Every structure is written in C-alpha cells, then in structure tokens.
Amino acid sequence: MILYNLTVHIATEKEKDFVKWMKEVHIPEVMATGLFEDNKFFKLLLEVEEGGINYSTQYFAKSLENVRNYQANFAGNIHKKLKDRFGDQIVYFGSLLEQIDL
C-alpha cells in the first residue's frame, strides 16, 4: 500500500472555508480519479507558533504507479484549484510513504 499525504498549513481565518471545500470539492475530485482506494482527513493537534492550522489528507493507493499517474495527469490541475481558492493563505506539500508489513 502506498500513502500519498498532502500536508496543508492554512490561515486560521480560512479554516472553516478550507475544511468545507476539502470535504465537498478537493477530496471528492481526487477520489474521482479512481487511482486511490481510500482517504482520511486529519487536523494536526500541534499548535503552530506563527499561527494557522495544519491538516493532513491521506490518500491510499494500491501501487506507486497509481500515485505517479495521479501526479502526472491530475495533481497539477487539482492543486492549482487549491492555490487559486486560498492564495497566500495556504502552504502545502505532498509526501509518499510505503507501508511496511509487520
């Protein structure tokens, strides 16, 4: 299993709009690509000194190939919508993790 994690730092005053938009637009759009099996949406409980709130959206894929397909064909447009919507009120980065069986 491959985890594609999108970590977001959003200005406090945009938090409610961001959460609503993620639930109604962003996450459904990513899942509609058919490249991910499941997702989870978390609020980080760590307080940030410079203000703002952090969120983690996790997308689970069966293969690295599926994630690479998403990155090559969908991520640019989907992330542009995120940046267009929230401008300089948001900073984000993606990371990839591979599940290690115990």
C-alpha atoms as a PDB file:
ATOM      1  CA  MET A   1       0.000   0.000   0.000  1.00  0.00           C
ATOM      2  CA  ILE A   2       1.237   3.484  -0.883  1.00  0.00           C
ATOM      3  CA  LEU A   3       0.183   6.561   1.059  1.00  0.00           C
ATOM      4  CA  TYR A   4       0.121   9.926  -0.694  1.00  0.00           C
ATOM      5  CA  ASN A   5      -0.072  12.541   2.055  1.00  0.00           C
ATOM      6  CA  LEU A   6      -0.952  16.187   1.436  1.00  0.00           C
ATOM      7  CA  THR A   7       0.013  18.385   4.386  1.00  0.00           C
ATOM      8  CA  VAL A   8      -1.573  21.836   4.422  1.00  0.00           C
ATOM      9  CA  HIS A   9      -0.991  24.919   6.547  1.00  0.00           C
ATOM     10  CA  ILE A  10      -3.993  27.269   6.317  1.00  0.00           C
ATOM     11  CA  ALA A  11      -4.589  30.690   7.871  1.00  0.00           C
ATOM     12  CA  THR A  12      -6.847  30.441  10.908  1.00  0.00           C
ATOM     13  CA  GLU A  13      -9.463  32.780   9.430  1.00  0.00           C
ATOM     14  CA  LYS A  14      -9.804  30.491   6.375  1.00  0.00           C
ATOM     15  CA  GLU A  15     -10.094  27.226   8.320  1.00  0.00           C
ATOM     16  CA  LYS A  16     -13.881  26.717   8.103  1.00  0.00           C
ATOM     17  CA  ASP A  17     -13.951  27.506   4.387  1.00  0.00           C
ATOM     18  CA  PHE A  18     -10.956  25.221   3.809  1.00  0.00           C
ATOM     19  CA  VAL A  19     -12.484  22.245   5.648  1.00  0.00           C
ATOM     20  CA  LYS A  20     -15.793  22.640   3.816  1.00  0.00           C
ATOM     21  CA  TRP A  21     -14.028  22.945   0.458  1.00  0.00           C
ATOM     22  CA  MET A  22     -11.833  19.910   1.123  1.00  0.00           C
ATOM     23  CA  LYS A  23     -14.858  17.771   2.044  1.00  0.00           C
ATOM     24  CA  GLU A  24     -17.091  18.957  -0.803  1.00  0.00           C
ATOM     25  CA  VAL A  25     -14.632  19.602  -3.651  1.00  0.00           C
ATOM     26  CA  HIS A  26     -10.987  18.592  -3.265  1.00  0.00           C
ATOM     27  CA  ILE A  27     -11.225  15.118  -1.718  1.00  0.00           C
ATOM     28  CA  PRO A  28     -14.110  14.006  -3.981  1.00  0.00           C
ATOM     29  CA  GLU A  29     -12.181  15.246  -7.028  1.00  0.00           C
ATOM     30  CA  VAL A  30      -9.048  13.308  -6.067  1.00  0.00           C
ATOM     31  CA  MET A  31     -11.072  10.168  -5.322  1.00  0.00           C
ATOM     32  CA  ALA A  32     -12.943  10.505  -8.642  1.00  0.00           C
ATOM     33  CA  THR A  33      -9.675   9.831 -10.481  1.00  0.00           C
ATOM     34  CA  GLY A  34     -10.114   6.179  -9.467  1.00  0.00           C
ATOM     35  CA  LEU A  35      -6.439   5.925  -8.515  1.00  0.00           C
ATOM     36  CA  PHE A  36      -6.917   5.764  -4.746  1.00  0.00           C
ATOM     37  CA  GLU A  37      -8.700   3.138  -2.652  1.00  0.00           C
ATOM     38  CA  ASP A  38      -9.439   5.212   0.443  1.00  0.00           C
ATOM     39  CA  ASN A  39      -8.712   8.529   2.151  1.00  0.00           C
ATOM     40  CA  LYS A  40      -8.505  10.063   5.607  1.00  0.00           C
ATOM     41  CA  PHE A  41      -8.646  13.730   6.612  1.00  0.00           C
ATOM     42  CA  PHE A  42      -6.912  14.839   9.829  1.00  0.00           C
ATOM     43  CA  LYS A  43      -6.418  18.046  11.747  1.00  0.00           C
ATOM     44  CA  LEU A  44      -2.993  18.185  13.367  1.00  0.00           C
ATOM     45  CA  LEU A  45      -3.255  18.974  17.069  1.00  0.00           C
ATOM     46  CA  LEU A  46       0.138  20.650  17.211  1.00  0.00           C
ATOM     47  CA  GLU A  47      -0.088  24.404  17.719  1.00  0.00           C
ATOM     48  CA  VAL A  48       1.997  26.475  15.334  1.00  0.00           C
ATOM     49  CA  GLU A  49       3.912  29.465  16.726  1.00  0.00           C
ATOM     50  CA  GLU A  50       3.313  31.673  13.682  1.00  0.00           C
ATOM     51  CA  GLY A  51      -0.425  30.930  13.710  1.00  0.00           C
ATOM     52  CA  GLY A  52      -2.547  28.973  11.322  1.00  0.00           C
ATOM     53  CA  ILE A  53      -3.810  25.418  11.350  1.00  0.00           C
ATOM     54  CA  ASN A  54      -2.315  22.244   9.858  1.00  0.00           C
ATOM     55  CA  TYR A  55      -4.210  19.448   8.138  1.00  0.00           C
ATOM     56  CA  SER A  56      -3.188  16.144   6.612  1.00  0.00           C
ATOM     57  CA  THR A  57      -5.168  14.489   3.844  1.00  0.00           C
ATOM     58  CA  GLN A  58      -4.108  10.907   3.236  1.00  0.00           C
ATOM     59  CA  TYR A  59      -4.871   9.015   0.044  1.00  0.00           C
ATOM     60  CA  PHE A  60      -4.224   5.272  -0.108  1.00  0.00           C
ATOM     61  CA  ALA A  61      -3.213   3.645  -3.411  1.00  0.00           C
ATOM     62  CA  LYS A  62      -2.576   0.020  -4.327  1.00  0.00           C
ATOM     63  CA  SER A  63       0.600   0.909  -6.207  1.00  0.00           C
ATOM     64  CA  LEU A  64       3.236   3.569  -6.726  1.00  0.00           C
ATOM     65  CA  GLU A  65       2.214   3.520 -10.396  1.00  0.00           C
ATOM     66  CA  ASN A  66      -1.254   4.780  -9.435  1.00  0.00           C
ATOM     67  CA  VAL A  67       0.238   7.670  -7.457  1.00  0.00           C
ATOM     68  CA  ARG A  68       2.636   8.536 -10.290  1.00  0.00           C
ATOM     69  CA  ASN A  69      -0.333   8.515 -12.682  1.00  0.00           C
ATOM     70  CA  TYR A  70      -2.177  10.913 -10.373  1.00  0.00           C
ATOM     71  CA  GLN A  71       0.854  13.191 -10.095  1.00  0.00           C
ATOM     72  CA  ALA A  72       1.462  13.241 -13.849  1.00  0.00           C
ATOM     73  CA  ASN A  73      -2.117  13.638 -15.024  1.00  0.00           C
ATOM     74  CA  PHE A  74      -4.249  15.177 -12.263  1.00  0.00           C
ATOM     75  CA  ALA A  75      -2.302  16.743  -9.383  1.00  0.00           C
ATOM     76  CA  GLY A  76      -1.225  19.900 -11.212  1.00  0.00           C
ATOM     77  CA  ASN A  77      -4.771  20.944 -12.063  1.00  0.00           C
ATOM     78  CA  ILE A  78      -6.239  19.884  -8.709  1.00  0.00           C
ATOM     79  CA  HIS A  79      -3.537  21.661  -6.691  1.00  0.00           C
ATOM     80  CA  LYS A  80      -3.896  24.781  -8.851  1.00  0.00           C
ATOM     81  CA  LYS A  81      -7.541  24.962  -7.777  1.00  0.00           C
ATOM     82  CA  LEU A  82      -6.401  24.760  -4.155  1.00  0.00           C
ATOM     83  CA  LYS A  83      -3.916  27.595  -4.639  1.00  0.00           C
ATOM     84  CA  ASP A  84      -6.391  29.678  -6.669  1.00  0.00           C
ATOM     85  CA  ARG A  85      -9.017  29.314  -3.956  1.00  0.00           C
ATOM     86  CA  PHE A  86      -6.815  30.180  -0.958  1.00  0.00           C
ATOM     87  CA  GLY A  87      -3.893  32.130  -2.454  1.00  0.00           C
ATOM     88  CA  ASP A  88      -1.229  33.148   0.024  1.00  0.00           C
ATOM     89  CA  GLN A  89      -3.403  31.904   2.908  1.00  0.00           C
ATOM     90  CA  ILE A  90      -2.217  28.341   2.242  1.00  0.00           C
ATOM     91  CA  VAL A  91       1.051  26.425   2.027  1.00  0.00           C
ATOM     92  CA  TYR A  92       1.146  22.725   1.211  1.00  0.00           C
ATOM     93  CA  PHE A  93       3.429  19.854   0.291  1.00  0.00           C
ATOM     94  CA  GLY A  94       2.967  16.222  -0.648  1.00  0.00           C
ATOM     95  CA  SER A  95       4.859  13.176   0.544  1.00  0.00           C
ATOM     96  CA  LEU A  96       4.841   9.479  -0.370  1.00  0.00           C
ATOM     97  CA  LEU A  97       5.050   6.631   2.118  1.00  0.00           C
ATOM     98  CA  GLU A  98       5.157   2.900   1.586  1.00  0.00           C
ATOM     99  CA  GLN A  99       3.524   0.546   4.061  1.00  0.00           C
ATOM    100  CA  ILE A 100       5.908  -1.957   5.597  1.00  0.00           C
ATOM    101  CA  ASP A 101       4.260  -5.245   6.518  1.00  0.00           C
ATOM    102  CA  LEU A 102       4.931  -6.476  10.028  1.00  0.00           C
END
